[in-house]
Every structure is written in C-alpha cells, then in structure tokens.
C-alpha cells in the first residue's frame, strides 16, 4: 500500500459519516438509498461520500444500472490493519523496554533505601547529627 493510498484511506475514514457507512457495510452490501436512510442529507451528498470511499479503495460498486449495491473492500481494511499493527507492535516493544528500565530503577531505589548506603534516620539513638 503506497503512502498516497494510505493517506486517502485515512482521509476517507476521517469523516464520521463515512466511518459509519463502512461499519454498516461490514454487515453486508447496501444501495446508496439504504446507506442514506439514517442521515439527514441528500442522496447526492451520500453519493459524494461513497465516491470518496471508492477513490480510497474502501468500497466498490459494480457497473450497470441503478440501484447498484455498494460493497466493502475488505482487502483495503486488511492493508490498513497491517499498517496499524506494525506500528502498534513497535510501540509495545518501546513500552516493554521502558517498563524494564523503570523496574530496574525501582530495584535500584529499593536497594539504595534498604541497603548499607541508606542516608535516612540513623540507627543509633544518641547521634544528634543524622547527616
């Protein structure tokens, strides 16, 4: 998937109406009239949304007379998922490394506080200067 295609997919999904259409198409194909039902917009506006989804490769419509069913292209979602997963794995690795570093720092703090180098309250009661 090229960066341009990825940008088009993300741009298409940036709109909540188009995200909702994609979610509804996950349940099955629908005509533009069916896609338009829950929205207070013209059929022409619905077609514009469908065109943006088509240009991004998220949906397709067969050639032929109206009404034509809009079909969700799962491959586009798979490619998007692959891109997201790759970055999610990288971030998780960074967090695991950070967790390891933080755990080792906590271990150092525990040793420092409970070990021989502890500079807290002196153990002998008669010492007037704790430092």
N, C-alpha and C. Protein backbone atom coordinates (compact mmCIF):
# COMPACT_ATOMS: atom_id res chain seq x y z
N UNK A 1 0.86 -1.17 0.00
CA UNK A 1 0.00 0.00 0.00
C UNK A 1 0.90 1.23 0.00
N UNK A 2 0.73 2.09 -0.96
CA UNK A 2 1.57 3.28 -1.04
C UNK A 2 1.11 4.30 -0.02
N UNK A 3 2.00 5.25 0.26
CA UNK A 3 1.67 6.31 1.20
C UNK A 3 0.46 7.10 0.71
N UNK A 4 0.39 7.35 -0.60
CA UNK A 4 -0.75 8.10 -1.13
C UNK A 4 -2.05 7.35 -0.89
N UNK A 5 -2.05 6.06 -1.12
CA UNK A 5 -3.25 5.26 -0.89
C UNK A 5 -3.60 5.27 0.59
N UNK A 6 -2.60 5.11 1.43
CA UNK A 6 -2.82 5.12 2.87
C UNK A 6 -3.39 6.47 3.31
N UNK A 7 -2.87 7.53 2.75
CA UNK A 7 -3.38 8.87 3.08
C UNK A 7 -4.83 9.02 2.66
N UNK A 8 -5.18 8.49 1.48
CA UNK A 8 -6.56 8.56 1.02
C UNK A 8 -7.49 7.75 1.93
N UNK A 9 -7.03 6.59 2.37
CA UNK A 9 -7.85 5.76 3.26
C UNK A 9 -8.07 6.48 4.59
N UNK A 10 -7.00 6.99 5.18
CA UNK A 10 -7.15 7.71 6.44
C UNK A 10 -8.03 8.95 6.27
N UNK A 11 -7.84 9.67 5.17
CA UNK A 11 -8.66 10.87 4.92
C UNK A 11 -10.13 10.49 4.75
N UNK A 12 -10.39 9.40 4.04
CA UNK A 12 -11.77 8.96 3.85
C UNK A 12 -12.40 8.58 5.19
N UNK A 13 -11.63 7.92 6.04
CA UNK A 13 -12.16 7.48 7.33
C UNK A 13 -12.16 8.58 8.39
N UNK A 14 -11.62 9.73 8.05
CA UNK A 14 -11.61 10.85 9.00
C UNK A 14 -13.02 11.41 9.22
N UNK A 15 -13.89 11.20 8.26
CA UNK A 15 -15.25 11.71 8.36
C UNK A 15 -16.14 10.70 9.10
N UNK A 16 -16.86 11.12 10.13
CA UNK A 16 -17.68 10.18 10.91
C UNK A 16 -18.80 9.53 10.09
N UNK A 17 -19.35 10.25 9.12
CA UNK A 17 -20.40 9.66 8.28
C UNK A 17 -19.83 8.51 7.46
N UNK A 18 -18.65 8.70 6.89
CA UNK A 18 -18.03 7.64 6.09
C UNK A 18 -17.62 6.46 6.97
N UNK A 19 -17.13 6.74 8.18
CA UNK A 19 -16.81 5.63 9.10
C UNK A 19 -18.06 4.83 9.42
N UNK A 20 -19.16 5.53 9.62
CA UNK A 20 -20.42 4.84 9.90
C UNK A 20 -20.87 4.02 8.70
N UNK A 21 -20.71 4.56 7.50
CA UNK A 21 -21.07 3.80 6.30
C UNK A 21 -20.23 2.54 6.19
N UNK A 22 -18.95 2.66 6.44
CA UNK A 22 -18.07 1.48 6.39
C UNK A 22 -18.51 0.46 7.43
N UNK A 23 -18.83 0.91 8.62
CA UNK A 23 -19.28 -0.01 9.67
C UNK A 23 -20.57 -0.71 9.26
N UNK A 24 -21.48 0.03 8.65
CA UNK A 24 -22.73 -0.58 8.21
C UNK A 24 -22.51 -1.55 7.06
N UNK A 25 -21.56 -1.23 6.17
CA UNK A 25 -21.27 -2.12 5.05
C UNK A 25 -20.57 -3.40 5.51
N UNK A 26 -19.99 -3.38 6.71
CA UNK A 26 -19.38 -4.60 7.26
C UNK A 26 -20.44 -5.67 7.48
N UNK A 27 -21.70 -5.25 7.65
CA UNK A 27 -22.80 -6.20 7.82
C UNK A 27 -23.33 -6.72 6.49
N UNK A 28 -22.98 -6.06 5.38
CA UNK A 28 -23.43 -6.50 4.07
C UNK A 28 -23.56 -5.34 3.11
N UNK A 29 -23.64 -5.67 1.83
CA UNK A 29 -23.76 -4.66 0.79
C UNK A 29 -25.06 -3.86 0.97
N UNK A 30 -25.04 -2.63 0.48
CA UNK A 30 -26.22 -1.77 0.57
C UNK A 30 -26.23 -0.82 -0.61
N UNK A 31 -27.41 -0.41 -1.02
CA UNK A 31 -27.53 0.60 -2.07
C UNK A 31 -27.31 1.97 -1.44
N UNK A 32 -27.13 2.97 -2.30
CA UNK A 32 -26.95 4.34 -1.81
C UNK A 32 -28.20 4.78 -1.04
N UNK A 33 -29.37 4.37 -1.52
CA UNK A 33 -30.62 4.71 -0.80
C UNK A 33 -30.62 4.10 0.60
N UNK A 34 -30.17 2.87 0.71
CA UNK A 34 -30.11 2.23 2.03
C UNK A 34 -29.08 2.91 2.92
N UNK A 35 -27.95 3.29 2.33
CA UNK A 35 -26.92 3.99 3.10
C UNK A 35 -27.42 5.36 3.56
N UNK A 36 -28.29 5.98 2.76
CA UNK A 36 -28.79 7.33 3.08
C UNK A 36 -29.82 7.34 4.19
N UNK A 37 -30.46 6.20 4.47
CA UNK A 37 -31.60 6.17 5.39
C UNK A 37 -31.36 6.87 6.74
N UNK A 38 -30.29 6.62 7.45
CA UNK A 38 -30.19 7.24 8.79
C UNK A 38 -29.73 8.70 8.79
N UNK A 39 -29.39 9.24 7.63
CA UNK A 39 -28.80 10.58 7.59
C UNK A 39 -29.80 11.61 7.09
N UNK A 40 -29.62 12.82 7.55
CA UNK A 40 -30.41 13.94 7.06
C UNK A 40 -29.59 14.66 6.01
N UNK A 41 -29.43 14.02 4.86
CA UNK A 41 -28.69 14.62 3.75
C UNK A 41 -29.29 14.14 2.45
N UNK A 42 -28.95 14.83 1.39
CA UNK A 42 -29.48 14.46 0.08
C UNK A 42 -28.80 13.19 -0.40
N UNK A 43 -29.44 12.55 -1.33
CA UNK A 43 -28.85 11.36 -1.95
C UNK A 43 -27.56 11.74 -2.67
N UNK A 44 -27.53 12.95 -3.23
CA UNK A 44 -26.32 13.42 -3.89
C UNK A 44 -25.15 13.50 -2.91
N UNK A 45 -25.40 13.95 -1.69
CA UNK A 45 -24.35 14.02 -0.67
C UNK A 45 -23.88 12.62 -0.29
N UNK A 46 -24.80 11.66 -0.24
CA UNK A 46 -24.42 10.27 0.05
C UNK A 46 -23.52 9.74 -1.05
N UNK A 47 -23.87 10.03 -2.31
CA UNK A 47 -23.04 9.59 -3.43
C UNK A 47 -21.64 10.20 -3.36
N UNK A 48 -21.53 11.44 -2.88
CA UNK A 48 -20.20 12.05 -2.73
C UNK A 48 -19.38 11.29 -1.69
N UNK A 49 -20.02 10.93 -0.59
CA UNK A 49 -19.32 10.14 0.43
C UNK A 49 -18.89 8.78 -0.14
N UNK A 50 -19.78 8.15 -0.87
CA UNK A 50 -19.46 6.84 -1.48
C UNK A 50 -18.31 7.00 -2.46
N UNK A 51 -18.29 8.08 -3.22
CA UNK A 51 -17.21 8.31 -4.19
C UNK A 51 -15.87 8.45 -3.48
N UNK A 52 -15.84 9.16 -2.35
CA UNK A 52 -14.59 9.30 -1.59
C UNK A 52 -14.13 7.92 -1.10
N UNK A 53 -15.06 7.12 -0.61
CA UNK A 53 -14.71 5.76 -0.15
C UNK A 53 -14.23 4.91 -1.31
N UNK A 54 -14.83 5.07 -2.48
CA UNK A 54 -14.40 4.34 -3.68
C UNK A 54 -12.99 4.73 -4.09
N UNK A 55 -12.73 6.04 -4.13
CA UNK A 55 -11.41 6.53 -4.54
C UNK A 55 -10.31 6.08 -3.58
N UNK A 56 -10.68 5.85 -2.33
CA UNK A 56 -9.71 5.35 -1.35
C UNK A 56 -9.56 3.84 -1.42
N UNK A 57 -10.42 3.18 -2.19
CA UNK A 57 -10.35 1.73 -2.33
C UNK A 57 -11.08 0.98 -1.23
N UNK A 58 -11.88 1.69 -0.45
CA UNK A 58 -12.59 1.04 0.66
C UNK A 58 -13.88 0.37 0.22
N UNK A 59 -14.50 0.88 -0.83
CA UNK A 59 -15.74 0.29 -1.33
C UNK A 59 -15.68 0.21 -2.85
N UNK A 60 -16.57 -0.60 -3.40
CA UNK A 60 -16.71 -0.69 -4.86
C UNK A 60 -18.19 -0.80 -5.19
N UNK A 61 -18.50 -0.43 -6.44
CA UNK A 61 -19.87 -0.59 -6.96
C UNK A 61 -19.75 -1.19 -8.34
N UNK A 62 -20.54 -2.21 -8.63
CA UNK A 62 -20.47 -2.81 -9.96
C UNK A 62 -21.02 -1.86 -11.02
N UNK A 63 -20.55 -2.01 -12.23
CA UNK A 63 -21.06 -1.21 -13.35
C UNK A 63 -22.49 -1.67 -13.64
N UNK A 64 -23.28 -0.76 -14.14
CA UNK A 64 -24.63 -1.15 -14.53
C UNK A 64 -25.65 -0.14 -14.06
N UNK A 65 -26.91 -0.48 -14.27
CA UNK A 65 -27.98 0.45 -13.93
C UNK A 65 -28.16 0.59 -12.41
N UNK A 66 -28.80 1.69 -12.03
CA UNK A 66 -29.11 1.93 -10.62
C UNK A 66 -30.27 1.01 -10.23
N UNK A 67 -30.47 0.63 -9.04
CA UNK A 67 -29.57 0.84 -7.90
C UNK A 67 -28.45 -0.20 -7.91
N UNK A 68 -27.28 0.26 -7.61
CA UNK A 68 -26.12 -0.62 -7.54
C UNK A 68 -25.70 -0.74 -6.08
N UNK A 69 -25.41 -1.94 -5.69
CA UNK A 69 -25.01 -2.17 -4.30
C UNK A 69 -23.58 -1.67 -4.08
N UNK A 70 -23.36 -1.09 -2.93
CA UNK A 70 -22.03 -0.66 -2.52
C UNK A 70 -21.45 -1.81 -1.72
N UNK A 71 -20.22 -2.19 -2.07
CA UNK A 71 -19.57 -3.36 -1.47
C UNK A 71 -18.31 -2.92 -0.73
N UNK A 72 -18.17 -3.36 0.51
CA UNK A 72 -16.98 -3.05 1.29
C UNK A 72 -15.82 -3.91 0.79
N UNK A 73 -14.69 -3.29 0.50
CA UNK A 73 -13.49 -3.99 0.05
C UNK A 73 -12.63 -4.31 1.28
N UNK A 74 -12.75 -5.51 1.76
CA UNK A 74 -12.08 -5.92 2.99
C UNK A 74 -10.56 -5.86 2.85
N UNK A 75 -10.05 -6.05 1.64
CA UNK A 75 -8.60 -6.01 1.43
C UNK A 75 -8.02 -4.65 1.86
N UNK A 76 -8.77 -3.58 1.60
CA UNK A 76 -8.29 -2.25 1.99
C UNK A 76 -8.19 -2.16 3.51
N UNK A 77 -9.16 -2.75 4.20
CA UNK A 77 -9.11 -2.76 5.67
C UNK A 77 -7.97 -3.64 6.16
N UNK A 78 -7.72 -4.74 5.46
CA UNK A 78 -6.61 -5.62 5.84
C UNK A 78 -5.28 -4.90 5.71
N UNK A 79 -5.10 -4.14 4.63
CA UNK A 79 -3.87 -3.38 4.44
C UNK A 79 -3.72 -2.31 5.51
N UNK A 80 -4.82 -1.65 5.83
CA UNK A 80 -4.82 -0.64 6.89
C UNK A 80 -4.48 -1.28 8.23
N UNK A 81 -5.07 -2.43 8.48
CA UNK A 81 -4.80 -3.16 9.73
C UNK A 81 -3.33 -3.56 9.82
N UNK A 82 -2.74 -3.99 8.72
CA UNK A 82 -1.33 -4.36 8.69
C UNK A 82 -0.46 -3.16 9.05
N UNK A 83 -0.78 -2.01 8.47
CA UNK A 83 -0.01 -0.80 8.76
C UNK A 83 -0.12 -0.42 10.24
N UNK A 84 -1.34 -0.46 10.77
CA UNK A 84 -1.56 -0.11 12.18
C UNK A 84 -0.87 -1.13 13.09
N UNK A 85 -1.00 -2.39 12.77
CA UNK A 85 -0.41 -3.45 13.61
C UNK A 85 1.11 -3.31 13.67
N UNK A 86 1.74 -3.00 12.54
CA UNK A 86 3.19 -2.85 12.51
C UNK A 86 3.63 -1.76 13.49
N UNK A 87 2.91 -0.65 13.50
CA UNK A 87 3.26 0.45 14.40
C UNK A 87 2.88 0.14 15.85
N UNK A 88 1.78 -0.57 16.05
CA UNK A 88 1.38 -0.96 17.40
C UNK A 88 2.44 -1.86 18.03
N UNK A 89 2.96 -2.81 17.27
CA UNK A 89 3.99 -3.72 17.76
C UNK A 89 5.25 -2.93 18.14
N UNK A 90 5.64 -1.98 17.31
CA UNK A 90 6.83 -1.16 17.62
C UNK A 90 6.63 -0.38 18.92
N UNK A 91 5.46 0.21 19.09
CA UNK A 91 5.19 0.98 20.30
C UNK A 91 5.16 0.06 21.52
N UNK A 92 4.57 -1.10 21.39
CA UNK A 92 4.55 -2.04 22.52
C UNK A 92 5.96 -2.46 22.92
N UNK A 93 6.83 -2.67 21.93
CA UNK A 93 8.23 -3.00 22.25
C UNK A 93 8.89 -1.87 23.04
N UNK A 94 8.64 -0.63 22.62
CA UNK A 94 9.21 0.51 23.33
C UNK A 94 8.69 0.57 24.76
N UNK A 95 7.40 0.33 24.95
CA UNK A 95 6.84 0.34 26.30
C UNK A 95 7.42 -0.78 27.16
N UNK A 96 7.62 -1.95 26.56
CA UNK A 96 8.23 -3.06 27.33
C UNK A 96 9.64 -2.69 27.76
N UNK A 97 10.42 -2.06 26.85
CA UNK A 97 11.77 -1.62 27.23
C UNK A 97 11.71 -0.59 28.34
N UNK A 98 10.76 0.33 28.24
CA UNK A 98 10.60 1.35 29.27
C UNK A 98 10.20 0.70 30.60
N UNK A 99 9.30 -0.27 30.56
CA UNK A 99 8.91 -0.99 31.78
C UNK A 99 10.11 -1.66 32.42
N UNK A 100 10.99 -2.25 31.60
CA UNK A 100 12.19 -2.91 32.10
C UNK A 100 13.11 -1.90 32.77
N UNK A 101 13.31 -0.76 32.12
CA UNK A 101 14.16 0.29 32.70
C UNK A 101 13.57 0.79 34.00
N UNK A 102 12.28 1.06 34.02
CA UNK A 102 11.64 1.55 35.24
C UNK A 102 11.71 0.52 36.37
N UNK A 103 11.53 -0.75 36.03
CA UNK A 103 11.61 -1.80 37.05
C UNK A 103 13.03 -1.87 37.61
N UNK A 104 14.03 -1.72 36.76
CA UNK A 104 15.40 -1.77 37.26
C UNK A 104 15.70 -0.55 38.12
N UNK A 105 15.14 0.62 37.76
CA UNK A 105 15.32 1.81 38.58
C UNK A 105 14.64 1.65 39.94
N UNK A 106 13.46 1.06 39.94
CA UNK A 106 12.77 0.81 41.20
C UNK A 106 13.58 -0.15 42.06
N UNK A 107 14.18 -1.15 41.41
CA UNK A 107 15.04 -2.08 42.14
C UNK A 107 16.24 -1.37 42.73
N UNK A 108 16.84 -0.45 41.97
CA UNK A 108 17.97 0.33 42.48
C UNK A 108 17.53 1.19 43.66
N UNK A 109 16.36 1.81 43.58
CA UNK A 109 15.85 2.63 44.68
C UNK A 109 15.62 1.78 45.92
N UNK A 110 15.04 0.59 45.75
CA UNK A 110 14.81 -0.29 46.89
C UNK A 110 16.12 -0.67 47.55
N UNK A 111 17.12 -1.03 46.75
CA UNK A 111 18.42 -1.39 47.30
C UNK A 111 19.05 -0.20 48.00
N UNK A 112 18.92 0.97 47.38
CA UNK A 112 19.53 2.17 47.95
C UNK A 112 18.87 2.53 49.28
N UNK A 113 17.55 2.40 49.38
CA UNK A 113 16.84 2.75 50.60
C UNK A 113 17.05 1.71 51.70
N UNK A 114 17.17 0.46 51.35
CA UNK A 114 17.26 -0.60 52.35
C UNK A 114 18.67 -1.15 52.51
N UNK A 115 19.59 -0.71 51.70
CA UNK A 115 20.96 -1.23 51.74
C UNK A 115 21.82 -0.44 52.70
N UNK A 116 23.13 -0.71 52.67
CA UNK A 116 24.06 -0.08 53.59
C UNK A 116 24.27 1.39 53.28
N UNK A 117 23.96 1.83 52.09
CA UNK A 117 24.18 3.22 51.72
C UNK A 117 23.01 4.12 52.06
N UNK A 118 22.07 3.66 52.85
CA UNK A 118 20.88 4.43 53.18
C UNK A 118 21.24 5.62 54.05
N UNK A 119 20.76 6.81 53.65
CA UNK A 119 21.08 8.03 54.39
C UNK A 119 19.87 8.53 55.15
N UNK A 120 19.02 7.66 55.60
CA UNK A 120 17.84 8.06 56.36
C UNK A 120 18.20 8.28 57.82
N UNK A 121 17.25 8.09 58.70
CA UNK A 121 17.41 8.28 60.14
C UNK A 121 18.48 7.31 60.68
N UNK A 122 19.39 7.78 61.46
CA UNK A 122 20.47 6.91 61.98
C UNK A 122 19.90 5.86 62.93
N UNK A 123 20.59 4.73 62.95
CA UNK A 123 20.13 3.63 63.79
C UNK A 123 20.51 3.81 65.24
N UNK A 124 21.52 4.62 65.52
CA UNK A 124 21.88 4.84 66.91
C UNK A 124 21.09 6.02 67.44
N UNK A 125 20.46 5.84 68.60
CA UNK A 125 19.54 6.83 69.14
C UNK A 125 20.27 8.05 69.67
N UNK A 126 21.52 7.94 70.03
CA UNK A 126 22.20 9.06 70.65
C UNK A 126 22.87 10.00 69.68
N UNK A 127 22.81 9.79 68.37
CA UNK A 127 23.53 10.62 67.40
C UNK A 127 22.71 11.89 67.11
N UNK A 128 23.18 13.10 67.50
CA UNK A 128 22.40 14.32 67.26
C UNK A 128 22.44 14.80 65.82
N UNK A 129 23.42 14.38 65.04
CA UNK A 129 23.53 14.84 63.65
C UNK A 129 23.24 13.70 62.70
N UNK A 130 21.99 13.60 62.14
CA UNK A 130 21.63 12.46 61.29
C UNK A 130 22.32 12.48 59.95
N UNK A 131 22.86 13.58 59.51
CA UNK A 131 23.50 13.64 58.19
C UNK A 131 24.88 13.23 58.37
